[in-house]
Amino acid sequence: SAKLEKKRQEASEIMKRVDTILDKINEVGIENISKADRKFLED
């Protein structure tokens, strides 16, 4: 149960950053986001 909860928290943190990057893409376009953000989306 602890492992599952840890994975859920990790997934939640990932989705929060993904949402932030997606908002940035909506504002400036995907070609203008950083390489780090692109790699994070892929990972």
PDB file of all heavy atoms in Angstrom:
ATOM      1  N   SER A   1       0.831  -1.206   0.000  1.00  0.00           N
ATOM      2  CA  SER A   1       0.000   0.000   0.000  1.00  0.00           C
ATOM      3  C   SER A   1       0.865   1.255   0.000  1.00  0.00           C
ATOM      4  O   SER A   1       0.564   2.240  -0.694  1.00  0.00           O
ATOM      5  CB  SER A   1      -0.921   0.014   1.221  1.00  0.00           C
ATOM      6  OG  SER A   1      -1.804  -1.076   1.197  1.00  0.00           O
ATOM      7  N   ALA A   2       1.969   1.212   0.773  1.00  0.00           N
ATOM      8  CA  ALA A   2       2.875   2.365   0.822  1.00  0.00           C
ATOM      9  C   ALA A   2       3.526   2.605  -0.543  1.00  0.00           C
ATOM     10  O   ALA A   2       3.677   3.750  -0.983  1.00  0.00           O
ATOM     11  CB  ALA A   2       3.946   2.141   1.886  1.00  0.00           C
ATOM     12  N   LYS A   3       3.919   1.498  -1.213  1.00  0.00           N
ATOM     13  CA  LYS A   3       4.521   1.640  -2.540  1.00  0.00           C
ATOM     14  C   LYS A   3       3.533   2.220  -3.537  1.00  0.00           C
ATOM     15  O   LYS A   3       3.881   3.093  -4.349  1.00  0.00           O
ATOM     16  CB  LYS A   3       5.016   0.277  -3.035  1.00  0.00           C
ATOM     17  CG  LYS A   3       6.261  -0.228  -2.332  1.00  0.00           C
ATOM     18  CD  LYS A   3       6.697  -1.571  -2.891  1.00  0.00           C
ATOM     19  CE  LYS A   3       7.945  -2.083  -2.199  1.00  0.00           C
ATOM     20  NZ  LYS A   3       8.364  -3.403  -2.741  1.00  0.00           N
ATOM     21  N   LEU A   4       2.293   1.748  -3.489  1.00  0.00           N
ATOM     22  CA  LEU A   4       1.273   2.264  -4.395  1.00  0.00           C
ATOM     23  C   LEU A   4       1.001   3.745  -4.142  1.00  0.00           C
ATOM     24  O   LEU A   4       0.846   4.533  -5.084  1.00  0.00           O
ATOM     25  CB  LEU A   4      -0.029   1.464  -4.227  1.00  0.00           C
ATOM     26  CG  LEU A   4      -0.017   0.036  -4.791  1.00  0.00           C
ATOM     27  CD1 LEU A   4      -1.308  -0.689  -4.417  1.00  0.00           C
ATOM     28  CD2 LEU A   4       0.146   0.058  -6.309  1.00  0.00           C
ATOM     29  N   GLU A   5       0.961   4.132  -2.854  1.00  0.00           N
ATOM     30  CA  GLU A   5       0.723   5.534  -2.517  1.00  0.00           C
ATOM     31  C   GLU A   5       1.872   6.412  -3.000  1.00  0.00           C
ATOM     32  O   GLU A   5       1.652   7.531  -3.499  1.00  0.00           O
ATOM     33  CB  GLU A   5       0.556   5.674  -1.003  1.00  0.00           C
ATOM     34  CG  GLU A   5       0.233   7.084  -0.534  1.00  0.00           C
ATOM     35  CD  GLU A   5      -1.045   7.615  -1.132  1.00  0.00           C
ATOM     36  OE1 GLU A   5      -1.954   6.811  -1.425  1.00  0.00           O
ATOM     37  OE2 GLU A   5      -1.138   8.848  -1.313  1.00  0.00           O
ATOM     38  N   LYS A   6       3.099   5.887  -2.874  1.00  0.00           N
ATOM     39  CA  LYS A   6       4.264   6.641  -3.350  1.00  0.00           C
ATOM     40  C   LYS A   6       4.202   6.835  -4.858  1.00  0.00           C
ATOM     41  O   LYS A   6       4.489   7.925  -5.381  1.00  0.00           O
ATOM     42  CB  LYS A   6       5.548   5.903  -2.958  1.00  0.00           C
ATOM     43  CG  LYS A   6       6.818   6.661  -3.331  1.00  0.00           C
ATOM     44  CD  LYS A   6       8.055   5.898  -2.881  1.00  0.00           C
ATOM     45  CE  LYS A   6       9.324   6.656  -3.269  1.00  0.00           C
ATOM     46  NZ  LYS A   6      10.543   5.908  -2.865  1.00  0.00           N
ATOM     47  N   LYS A   7       3.796   5.770  -5.572  1.00  0.00           N
ATOM     48  CA  LYS A   7       3.680   5.885  -7.028  1.00  0.00           C
ATOM     49  C   LYS A   7       2.579   6.869  -7.421  1.00  0.00           C
ATOM     50  O   LYS A   7       2.725   7.618  -8.393  1.00  0.00           O
ATOM     51  CB  LYS A   7       3.406   4.506  -7.631  1.00  0.00           C
ATOM     52  CG  LYS A   7       4.611   3.583  -7.611  1.00  0.00           C
ATOM     53  CD  LYS A   7       4.293   2.246  -8.268  1.00  0.00           C
ATOM     54  CE  LYS A   7       5.513   1.341  -8.269  1.00  0.00           C
ATOM     55  NZ  LYS A   7       5.229   0.031  -8.914  1.00  0.00           N
ATOM     56  N   ARG A   8       1.483   6.858  -6.660  1.00  0.00           N
ATOM     57  CA  ARG A   8       0.407   7.812  -6.956  1.00  0.00           C
ATOM     58  C   ARG A   8       0.881   9.254  -6.771  1.00  0.00           C
ATOM     59  O   ARG A   8       0.562  10.137  -7.575  1.00  0.00           O
ATOM     60  CB  ARG A   8      -0.798   7.534  -6.038  1.00  0.00           C
ATOM     61  CG  ARG A   8      -1.541   6.259  -6.338  1.00  0.00           C
ATOM     62  CD  ARG A   8      -2.875   6.229  -5.592  1.00  0.00           C
ATOM     63  NE  ARG A   8      -3.489   4.908  -5.647  1.00  0.00           N
ATOM     64  CZ  ARG A   8      -3.435   4.014  -4.674  1.00  0.00           C
ATOM     65  NH1 ARG A   8      -2.800   4.305  -3.558  1.00  0.00           N
ATOM     66  NH2 ARG A   8      -4.015   2.837  -4.802  1.00  0.00           N
ATOM     67  N   GLN A   9       1.644   9.493  -5.694  1.00  0.00           N
ATOM     68  CA  GLN A   9       2.165  10.838  -5.455  1.00  0.00           C
ATOM     69  C   GLN A   9       3.123  11.261  -6.561  1.00  0.00           C
ATOM     70  O   GLN A   9       3.090  12.414  -7.023  1.00  0.00           O
ATOM     71  CB  GLN A   9       2.861  10.891  -4.094  1.00  0.00           C
ATOM     72  CG  GLN A   9       1.912  10.753  -2.913  1.00  0.00           C
ATOM     73  CD  GLN A   9       2.640  10.734  -1.582  1.00  0.00           C
ATOM     74  OE1 GLN A   9       3.873  10.770  -1.540  1.00  0.00           O
ATOM     75  NE2 GLN A   9       1.874  10.690  -0.500  1.00  0.00           N
ATOM     76  N   GLU A  10       3.998  10.306  -6.986  1.00  0.00           N
ATOM     77  CA  GLU A  10       4.930  10.615  -8.065  1.00  0.00           C
ATOM     78  C   GLU A  10       4.173  10.939  -9.352  1.00  0.00           C
ATOM     79  O   GLU A  10       4.517  11.893 -10.070  1.00  0.00           O
ATOM     80  CB  GLU A  10       5.882   9.440  -8.290  1.00  0.00           C
ATOM     81  CG  GLU A  10       6.879   9.233  -7.159  1.00  0.00           C
ATOM     82  CD  GLU A  10       7.719   7.979  -7.360  1.00  0.00           C
ATOM     83  OE1 GLU A  10       7.397   7.203  -8.298  1.00  0.00           O
ATOM     84  OE2 GLU A  10       8.676   7.784  -6.605  1.00  0.00           O
ATOM     85  N   ALA A  11       3.132  10.128  -9.632  1.00  0.00           N
ATOM     86  CA  ALA A  11       2.336  10.381 -10.838  1.00  0.00           C
ATOM     87  C   ALA A  11       1.633  11.720 -10.758  1.00  0.00           C
ATOM     88  O   ALA A  11       1.522  12.457 -11.755  1.00  0.00           O
ATOM     89  CB  ALA A  11       1.321   9.257 -11.036  1.00  0.00           C
ATOM     90  N   SER A  12       1.166  12.079  -9.541  1.00  0.00           N
ATOM     91  CA  SER A  12       0.488  13.363  -9.369  1.00  0.00           C
ATOM     92  C   SER A  12       1.442  14.520  -9.618  1.00  0.00           C
ATOM     93  O   SER A  12       1.083  15.522 -10.271  1.00  0.00           O
ATOM     94  CB  SER A  12      -0.089  13.444  -7.955  1.00  0.00           C
ATOM     95  OG  SER A  12      -0.710  14.679  -7.730  1.00  0.00           O
ATOM     96  N   GLU A  13       2.685  14.399  -9.113  1.00  0.00           N
ATOM     97  CA  GLU A  13       3.684  15.454  -9.327  1.00  0.00           C
ATOM     98  C   GLU A  13       4.027  15.582 -10.803  1.00  0.00           C
ATOM     99  O   GLU A  13       4.199  16.691 -11.333  1.00  0.00           O
ATOM    100  CB  GLU A  13       4.943  15.144  -8.506  1.00  0.00           C
ATOM    101  CG  GLU A  13       4.763  15.221  -6.999  1.00  0.00           C
ATOM    102  CD  GLU A  13       4.357  16.624  -6.545  1.00  0.00           C
ATOM    103  OE1 GLU A  13       4.864  17.602  -7.138  1.00  0.00           O
ATOM    104  OE2 GLU A  13       3.545  16.719  -5.618  1.00  0.00           O
ATOM    105  N   ILE A  14       4.133  14.440 -11.463  1.00  0.00           N
ATOM    106  CA  ILE A  14       4.435  14.464 -12.899  1.00  0.00           C
ATOM    107  C   ILE A  14       3.329  15.172 -13.660  1.00  0.00           C
ATOM    108  O   ILE A  14       3.578  16.025 -14.534  1.00  0.00           O
ATOM    109  CB  ILE A  14       4.619  13.022 -13.430  1.00  0.00           C
ATOM    110  CG1 ILE A  14       5.903  12.397 -12.862  1.00  0.00           C
ATOM    111  CG2 ILE A  14       4.642  12.997 -14.965  1.00  0.00           C
ATOM    112  CD1 ILE A  14       6.074  10.932 -13.194  1.00  0.00           C
ATOM    113  N   MET A  15       2.067  14.842 -13.331  1.00  0.00           N
ATOM    114  CA  MET A  15       0.939  15.451 -14.042  1.00  0.00           C
ATOM    115  C   MET A  15       0.857  16.958 -13.787  1.00  0.00           C
ATOM    116  O   MET A  15       0.478  17.732 -14.689  1.00  0.00           O
ATOM    117  CB  MET A  15      -0.363  14.782 -13.620  1.00  0.00           C
ATOM    118  CG  MET A  15      -0.534  13.357 -14.137  1.00  0.00           C
ATOM    119  SD  MET A  15      -0.367  13.244 -15.929  1.00  0.00           S
ATOM    120  CE  MET A  15      -1.682  14.330 -16.487  1.00  0.00           C
ATOM    121  N   LYS A  16       1.219  17.392 -12.586  1.00  0.00           N
ATOM    122  CA  LYS A  16       1.215  18.824 -12.310  1.00  0.00           C
ATOM    123  C   LYS A  16       2.192  19.559 -13.219  1.00  0.00           C
ATOM    124  O   LYS A  16       1.874  20.615 -13.793  1.00  0.00           O
ATOM    125  CB  LYS A  16       1.579  19.087 -10.839  1.00  0.00           C
ATOM    126  CG  LYS A  16       0.478  18.749  -9.852  1.00  0.00           C
ATOM    127  CD  LYS A  16       0.931  19.037  -8.437  1.00  0.00           C
ATOM    128  CE  LYS A  16      -0.165  18.660  -7.432  1.00  0.00           C
ATOM    129  NZ  LYS A  16       0.270  18.913  -6.029  1.00  0.00           N
ATOM    130  N   ARG A  17       3.416  19.003 -13.360  1.00  0.00           N
ATOM    131  CA  ARG A  17       4.398  19.660 -14.220  1.00  0.00           C
ATOM    132  C   ARG A  17       3.996  19.558 -15.676  1.00  0.00           C
ATOM    133  O   ARG A  17       4.208  20.499 -16.454  1.00  0.00           O
ATOM    134  CB  ARG A  17       5.782  19.044 -14.006  1.00  0.00           C
ATOM    135  CG  ARG A  17       6.855  19.785 -14.773  1.00  0.00           C
ATOM    136  CD  ARG A  17       8.240  19.372 -14.408  1.00  0.00           C
ATOM    137  NE  ARG A  17       9.205  20.033 -15.270  1.00  0.00           N
ATOM    138  CZ  ARG A  17      10.508  19.780 -15.277  1.00  0.00           C
ATOM    139  NH1 ARG A  17      10.999  18.887 -14.411  1.00  0.00           N
ATOM    140  NH2 ARG A  17      11.326  20.418 -16.103  1.00  0.00           N
ATOM    141  N   VAL A  18       3.384  18.394 -16.060  1.00  0.00           N
ATOM    142  CA  VAL A  18       2.911  18.249 -17.436  1.00  0.00           C
ATOM    143  C   VAL A  18       1.867  19.317 -17.744  1.00  0.00           C
ATOM    144  O   VAL A  18       1.879  19.944 -18.826  1.00  0.00           O
ATOM    145  CB  VAL A  18       2.329  16.838 -17.669  1.00  0.00           C
ATOM    146  CG1 VAL A  18       1.544  16.792 -18.986  1.00  0.00           C
ATOM    147  CG2 VAL A  18       3.443  15.805 -17.689  1.00  0.00           C
ATOM    148  N   ASP A  19       0.940  19.550 -16.805  1.00  0.00           N
ATOM    149  CA  ASP A  19      -0.081  20.572 -17.012  1.00  0.00           C
ATOM    150  C   ASP A  19       0.540  21.948 -17.178  1.00  0.00           C
ATOM    151  O   ASP A  19       0.092  22.763 -18.009  1.00  0.00           O
ATOM    152  CB  ASP A  19      -1.059  20.578 -15.825  1.00  0.00           C
ATOM    153  CG  ASP A  19      -1.958  19.348 -15.800  1.00  0.00           C
ATOM    154  OD1 ASP A  19      -2.099  18.713 -16.861  1.00  0.00           O
ATOM    155  OD2 ASP A  19      -2.504  19.017 -14.726  1.00  0.00           O
ATOM    156  N   THR A  20       1.594  22.224 -16.373  1.00  0.00           N
ATOM    157  CA  THR A  20       2.271  23.523 -16.478  1.00  0.00           C
ATOM    158  C   THR A  20       2.905  23.694 -17.852  1.00  0.00           C
ATOM    159  O   THR A  20       2.807  24.762 -18.484  1.00  0.00           O
ATOM    160  CB  THR A  20       3.347  23.633 -15.383  1.00  0.00           C
ATOM    161  OG1 THR A  20       2.737  23.486 -14.098  1.00  0.00           O
ATOM    162  CG2 THR A  20       4.057  24.981 -15.457  1.00  0.00           C
ATOM    163  N   ILE A  21       3.568  22.618 -18.343  1.00  0.00           N
ATOM    164  CA  ILE A  21       4.218  22.689 -19.662  1.00  0.00           C
ATOM    165  C   ILE A  21       3.175  22.838 -20.767  1.00  0.00           C
ATOM    166  O   ILE A  21       3.356  23.596 -21.730  1.00  0.00           O
ATOM    167  CB  ILE A  21       5.096  21.444 -19.889  1.00  0.00           C
ATOM    168  CG1 ILE A  21       6.245  21.404 -18.865  1.00  0.00           C
ATOM    169  CG2 ILE A  21       5.654  21.422 -21.309  1.00  0.00           C
ATOM    170  CD1 ILE A  21       7.060  20.127 -18.901  1.00  0.00           C
ATOM    171  N   LEU A  22       2.037  22.128 -20.627  1.00  0.00           N
ATOM    172  CA  LEU A  22       0.974  22.231 -21.637  1.00  0.00           C
ATOM    173  C   LEU A  22       0.384  23.644 -21.682  1.00  0.00           C
ATOM    174  O   LEU A  22       0.062  24.168 -22.758  1.00  0.00           O
ATOM    175  CB  LEU A  22      -0.122  21.201 -21.357  1.00  0.00           C
ATOM    176  CG  LEU A  22       0.266  19.730 -21.576  1.00  0.00           C
ATOM    177  CD1 LEU A  22      -0.876  18.824 -21.175  1.00  0.00           C
ATOM    178  CD2 LEU A  22       0.661  19.475 -23.034  1.00  0.00           C
ATOM    179  N   ASP A  23       0.251  24.262 -20.507  1.00  0.00           N
ATOM    180  CA  ASP A  23      -0.214  25.645 -20.479  1.00  0.00           C
ATOM    181  C   ASP A  23       0.773  26.562 -21.204  1.00  0.00           C
ATOM    182  O   ASP A  23       0.379  27.485 -21.939  1.00  0.00           O
ATOM    183  CB  ASP A  23      -0.397  26.114 -19.026  1.00  0.00           C
ATOM    184  CG  ASP A  23      -1.575  25.447 -18.351  1.00  0.00           C
ATOM    185  OD1 ASP A  23      -2.459  24.939 -19.068  1.00  0.00           O
ATOM    186  OD2 ASP A  23      -1.601  25.397 -17.100  1.00  0.00           O
ATOM    187  N   LYS A  24       2.064  26.283 -20.997  1.00  0.00           N
ATOM    188  CA  LYS A  24       3.094  27.082 -21.661  1.00  0.00           C
ATOM    189  C   LYS A  24       3.034  26.898 -23.173  1.00  0.00           C
ATOM    190  O   LYS A  24       3.193  27.857 -23.956  1.00  0.00           O
ATOM    191  CB  LYS A  24       4.474  26.696 -21.128  1.00  0.00           C
ATOM    192  CG  LYS A  24       5.604  27.606 -21.598  1.00  0.00           C
ATOM    193  CD  LYS A  24       6.953  27.094 -21.137  1.00  0.00           C
ATOM    194  CE  LYS A  24       7.074  27.123 -19.630  1.00  0.00           C
ATOM    195  NZ  LYS A  24       8.441  26.721 -19.204  1.00  0.00           N
ATOM    196  N   ILE A  25       2.770  25.641 -23.605  1.00  0.00           N
ATOM    197  CA  ILE A  25       2.661  25.372 -25.044  1.00  0.00           C
ATOM    198  C   ILE A  25       1.482  26.142 -25.635  1.00  0.00           C
ATOM    199  O   ILE A  25       1.574  26.696 -26.743  1.00  0.00           O
ATOM    200  CB  ILE A  25       2.507  23.863 -25.290  1.00  0.00           C
ATOM    201  CG1 ILE A  25       3.815  23.119 -24.954  1.00  0.00           C
ATOM    202  CG2 ILE A  25       2.101  23.578 -26.745  1.00  0.00           C
ATOM    203  CD1 ILE A  25       3.712  21.618 -25.019  1.00  0.00           C
ATOM    204  N   ASN A  26       0.388  26.197 -24.914  1.00  0.00           N
ATOM    205  CA  ASN A  26      -0.781  26.938 -25.398  1.00  0.00           C
ATOM    206  C   ASN A  26      -0.481  28.426 -25.556  1.00  0.00           C
ATOM    207  O   ASN A  26      -1.036  29.105 -26.434  1.00  0.00           O
ATOM    208  CB  ASN A  26      -1.958  26.758 -24.439  1.00  0.00           C
ATOM    209  CG  ASN A  26      -2.532  25.352 -24.511  1.00  0.00           C
ATOM    210  OD1 ASN A  26      -2.442  24.696 -25.546  1.00  0.00           O
ATOM    211  ND2 ASN A  26      -3.120  24.897 -23.409  1.00  0.00           N
ATOM    212  N   GLU A  27       0.426  28.928 -24.707  1.00  0.00           N
ATOM    213  CA  GLU A  27       0.742  30.354 -24.746  1.00  0.00           C
ATOM    214  C   GLU A  27       1.767  30.689 -25.826  1.00  0.00           C
ATOM    215  O   GLU A  27       1.589  31.665 -26.585  1.00  0.00           O
ATOM    216  CB  GLU A  27       1.282  30.807 -23.386  1.00  0.00           C
ATOM    217  CG  GLU A  27       0.243  30.774 -22.268  1.00  0.00           C
ATOM    218  CD  GLU A  27       0.847  31.154 -20.930  1.00  0.00           C
ATOM    219  OE1 GLU A  27       2.045  31.515 -20.896  1.00  0.00           O
ATOM    220  OE2 GLU A  27       0.126  31.072 -19.914  1.00  0.00           O
ATOM    221  N   VAL A  28       2.852  29.891 -25.916  1.00  0.00           N
ATOM    222  CA  VAL A  28       3.974  30.276 -26.809  1.00  0.00           C
ATOM    223  C   VAL A  28       4.181  29.316 -27.966  1.00  0.00           C
ATOM    224  O   VAL A  28       5.007  29.571 -28.852  1.00  0.00           O
ATOM    225  CB  VAL A  28       5.281  30.402 -25.994  1.00  0.00           C
ATOM    226  CG1 VAL A  28       5.134  31.443 -24.899  1.00  0.00           C
ATOM    227  CG2 VAL A  28       5.675  29.045 -25.390  1.00  0.00           C
ATOM    228  N   GLY A  29       3.480  28.146 -27.945  1.00  0.00           N
ATOM    229  CA  GLY A  29       3.679  27.159 -28.992  1.00  0.00           C
ATOM    230  C   GLY A  29       4.740  26.152 -28.606  1.00  0.00           C
ATOM    231  O   GLY A  29       5.675  26.472 -27.861  1.00  0.00           O
ATOM    232  N   ILE A  30       4.628  24.915 -29.141  1.00  0.00           N
ATOM    233  CA  ILE A  30       5.531  23.832 -28.744  1.00  0.00           C
ATOM    234  C   ILE A  30       6.962  24.073 -29.181  1.00  0.00           C
ATOM    235  O   ILE A  30       7.914  23.621 -28.547  1.00  0.00           O
ATOM    236  CB  ILE A  30       5.013  22.477 -29.304  1.00  0.00           C
ATOM    237  CG1 ILE A  30       5.779  21.314 -28.640  1.00  0.00           C
ATOM    238  CG2 ILE A  30       5.135  22.439 -30.826  1.00  0.00           C
ATOM    239  CD1 ILE A  30       5.194  19.968 -28.937  1.00  0.00           C
ATOM    240  N   GLU A  31       7.122  24.846 -30.305  1.00  0.00           N
ATOM    241  CA  GLU A  31       8.483  25.078 -30.811  1.00  0.00           C
ATOM    242  C   GLU A  31       9.264  26.037 -29.928  1.00  0.00           C
ATOM    243  O   GLU A  31      10.504  26.125 -30.019  1.00  0.00           O
ATOM    244  CB  GLU A  31       8.441  25.606 -32.254  1.00  0.00           C
ATOM    245  CG  GLU A  31       7.833  27.003 -32.413  1.00  0.00           C
ATOM    246  CD  GLU A  31       6.318  26.950 -32.476  1.00  0.00           C
ATOM    247  OE1 GLU A  31       5.755  25.828 -32.392  1.00  0.00           O
ATOM    248  OE2 GLU A  31       5.709  28.012 -32.623  1.00  0.00           O
ATOM    249  N   ASN A  32       8.565  26.733 -29.020  1.00  0.00           N
ATOM    250  CA  ASN A  32       9.250  27.725 -28.187  1.00  0.00           C
ATOM    251  C   ASN A  32       9.500  27.258 -26.747  1.00  0.00           C
ATOM    252  O   ASN A  32       9.999  28.044 -25.930  1.00  0.00           O
ATOM    253  CB  ASN A  32       8.426  29.025 -28.155  1.00  0.00           C
ATOM    254  CG  ASN A  32       8.371  29.684 -29.511  1.00  0.00           C
ATOM    255  OD1 ASN A  32       9.381  29.750 -30.219  1.00  0.00           O
ATOM    256  ND2 ASN A  32       7.193  30.161 -29.901  1.00  0.00           N
ATOM    257  N   ILE A  33       9.138  26.013 -26.428  1.00  0.00           N
ATOM    258  CA  ILE A  33       9.440  25.525 -25.070  1.00  0.00           C
ATOM    259  C   ILE A  33      10.857  24.992 -25.035  1.00  0.00           C
ATOM    260  O   ILE A  33      11.455  24.664 -26.072  1.00  0.00           O
ATOM    261  CB  ILE A  33       8.441  24.440 -24.627  1.00  0.00           C
ATOM    262  CG1 ILE A  33       8.562  23.190 -25.503  1.00  0.00           C
ATOM    263  CG2 ILE A  33       7.027  24.975 -24.620  1.00  0.00           C
ATOM    264  CD1 ILE A  33       7.729  22.032 -25.010  1.00  0.00           C
ATOM    265  N   SER A  34      11.426  24.888 -23.838  1.00  0.00           N
ATOM    266  CA  SER A  34      12.828  24.483 -23.684  1.00  0.00           C
ATOM    267  C   SER A  34      13.018  22.998 -23.989  1.00  0.00           C
ATOM    268  O   SER A  34      12.057  22.206 -23.965  1.00  0.00           O
ATOM    269  CB  SER A  34      13.307  24.786 -22.261  1.00  0.00           C
ATOM    270  OG  SER A  34      12.606  23.978 -21.332  1.00  0.00           O
ATOM    271  N   LYS A  35      14.291  22.631 -24.253  1.00  0.00           N
ATOM    272  CA  LYS A  35      14.623  21.221 -24.473  1.00  0.00           C
ATOM    273  C   LYS A  35      14.331  20.385 -23.214  1.00  0.00           C
ATOM    274  O   LYS A  35      13.906  19.229 -23.305  1.00  0.00           O
ATOM    275  CB  LYS A  35      16.098  21.088 -24.844  1.00  0.00           C
ATOM    276  CG  LYS A  35      16.443  21.629 -26.219  1.00  0.00           C
ATOM    277  CD  LYS A  35      17.909  21.398 -26.524  1.00  0.00           C
ATOM    278  CE  LYS A  35      18.265  21.906 -27.931  1.00  0.00           C
ATOM    279  NZ  LYS A  35      19.699  21.685 -28.242  1.00  0.00           N
ATOM    280  N   ALA A  36      14.543  21.011 -22.074  1.00  0.00           N
ATOM    281  CA  ALA A  36      14.294  20.287 -20.810  1.00  0.00           C
ATOM    282  C   ALA A  36      12.813  19.944 -20.662  1.00  0.00           C
ATOM    283  O   ALA A  36      12.454  18.830 -20.238  1.00  0.00           O
ATOM    284  CB  ALA A  36      14.760  21.131 -19.632  1.00  0.00           C
ATOM    285  N   ASP A  37      11.938  20.910 -21.058  1.00  0.00           N
ATOM    286  CA  ASP A  37      10.511  20.647 -20.975  1.00  0.00           C
ATOM    287  C   ASP A  37      10.087  19.565 -21.963  1.00  0.00           C
ATOM    288  O   ASP A  37       9.234  18.712 -21.653  1.00  0.00           O
ATOM    289  CB  ASP A  37       9.718  21.925 -21.240  1.00  0.00           C
ATOM    290  CG  ASP A  37       9.785  22.889 -20.061  1.00  0.00           C
ATOM    291  OD1 ASP A  37      10.122  22.427 -18.956  1.00  0.00           O
ATOM    292  OD2 ASP A  37       9.507  24.082 -20.246  1.00  0.00           O
ATOM    293  N   ARG A  38      10.667  19.593 -23.152  1.00  0.00           N
ATOM    294  CA  ARG A  38      10.335  18.572 -24.158  1.00  0.00           C
ATOM    295  C   ARG A  38      10.738  17.182 -23.666  1.00  0.00           C
ATOM    296  O   ARG A  38       9.989  16.215 -23.790  1.00  0.00           O
ATOM    297  CB  ARG A  38      11.034  18.887 -25.474  1.00  0.00           C
ATOM    298  CG  ARG A  38      10.457  20.067 -26.219  1.00  0.00           C
ATOM    299  CD  ARG A  38      11.096  20.184 -27.587  1.00  0.00           C
ATOM    300  NE  ARG A  38      10.566  21.337 -28.293  1.00  0.00           N
ATOM    301  CZ  ARG A  38      10.839  21.616 -29.563  1.00  0.00           C
ATOM    302  NH1 ARG A  38      11.644  20.804 -30.246  1.00  0.00           N
ATOM    303  NH2 ARG A  38      10.330  22.689 -30.145  1.00  0.00           N
ATOM    304  N   LYS A  39      11.968  17.133 -23.138  1.00  0.00           N
ATOM    305  CA  LYS A  39      12.450  15.823 -22.636  1.00  0.00           C
ATOM    306  C   LYS A  39      11.577  15.335 -21.473  1.00  0.00           C
ATOM    307  O   LYS A  39      11.278  14.146 -21.362  1.00  0.00           O
ATOM    308  CB  LYS A  39      13.894  15.918 -22.176  1.00  0.00           C
ATOM    309  CG  LYS A  39      14.481  14.565 -21.743  1.00  0.00           C
ATOM    310  CD  LYS A  39      15.968  14.589 -21.691  1.00  0.00           C
ATOM    311  CE  LYS A  39      16.555  13.199 -21.483  1.00  0.00           C
ATOM    312  NZ  LYS A  39      15.848  12.354 -20.542  1.00  0.00           N
ATOM    313  N   PHE A  40      11.154  16.274 -20.616  1.00  0.00           N
ATOM    314  CA  PHE A  40      10.291  15.870 -19.493  1.00  0.00           C
ATOM    315  C   PHE A  40       8.972  15.294 -19.996  1.00  0.00           C
ATOM    316  O   PHE A  40       8.481  14.303 -19.467  1.00  0.00           O
ATOM    317  CB  PHE A  40      10.032  17.075 -18.581  1.00  0.00           C
ATOM    318  CG  PHE A  40       9.220  16.725 -17.370  1.00  0.00           C
ATOM    319  CD1 PHE A  40       9.830  16.191 -16.238  1.00  0.00           C
ATOM    320  CD2 PHE A  40       7.831  16.881 -17.364  1.00  0.00           C
ATOM    321  CE1 PHE A  40       9.076  15.844 -15.130  1.00  0.00           C
ATOM    322  CE2 PHE A  40       7.080  16.528 -16.262  1.00  0.00           C
ATOM    323  CZ  PHE A  40       7.709  16.009 -15.137  1.00  0.00           C
ATOM    324  N   LEU A  41       8.403  15.922 -21.029  1.00  0.00           N
ATOM    325  CA  LEU A  41       7.154  15.406 -21.597  1.00  0.00           C
ATOM    326  C   LEU A  41       7.330  14.002 -22.158  1.00  0.00           C
ATOM    327  O   LEU A  41       6.469  13.133 -21.978  1.00  0.00           O
ATOM    328  CB  LEU A  41       6.643  16.340 -22.690  1.00  0.00           C
ATOM    329  CG  LEU A  41       5.995  17.648 -22.229  1.00  0.00           C
ATOM    330  CD1 LEU A  41       5.651  18.511 -23.447  1.00  0.00           C
ATOM    331  CD2 LEU A  41       4.759  17.381 -21.395  1.00  0.00           C
ATOM    332  N   GLU A  42       8.451  13.768 -22.830  1.00  0.00           N
ATOM    333  CA  GLU A  42       8.718  12.436 -23.386  1.00  0.00           C
ATOM    334  C   GLU A  42       8.873  11.396 -22.272  1.00  0.00           C
ATOM    335  O   GLU A  42       8.304  10.307 -22.334  1.00  0.00           O
ATOM    336  CB  GLU A  42       9.973  12.478 -24.254  1.00  0.00           C
ATOM    337  CG  GLU A  42       9.820  13.304 -25.525  1.00  0.00           C
ATOM    338  CD  GLU A  42      11.129  13.433 -26.288  1.00  0.00           C
ATOM    339  OE1 GLU A  42      12.148  12.885 -25.790  1.00  0.00           O
ATOM    340  OE2 GLU A  42      11.140  14.073 -27.350  1.00  0.00           O
ATOM    341  N   ASP A  43       9.682  11.771 -21.258  1.00  0.00           N
ATOM    342  CA  ASP A  43       9.897  10.840 -20.136  1.00  0.00           C
ATOM    343  C   ASP A  43       8.596  10.581 -19.371  1.00  0.00           C
ATOM    344  O   ASP A  43       8.321   9.462 -18.957  1.00  0.00           O
ATOM    345  CB  ASP A  43      10.954  11.408 -19.181  1.00  0.00           C
ATOM    346  CG  ASP A  43      12.338  11.462 -19.816  1.00  0.00           C
ATOM    347  OD1 ASP A  43      12.538  10.781 -20.840  1.00  0.00           O
ATOM    348  OD2 ASP A  43      13.195  12.202 -19.287  1.00  0.00           O
TER     349      ASP A  43
END
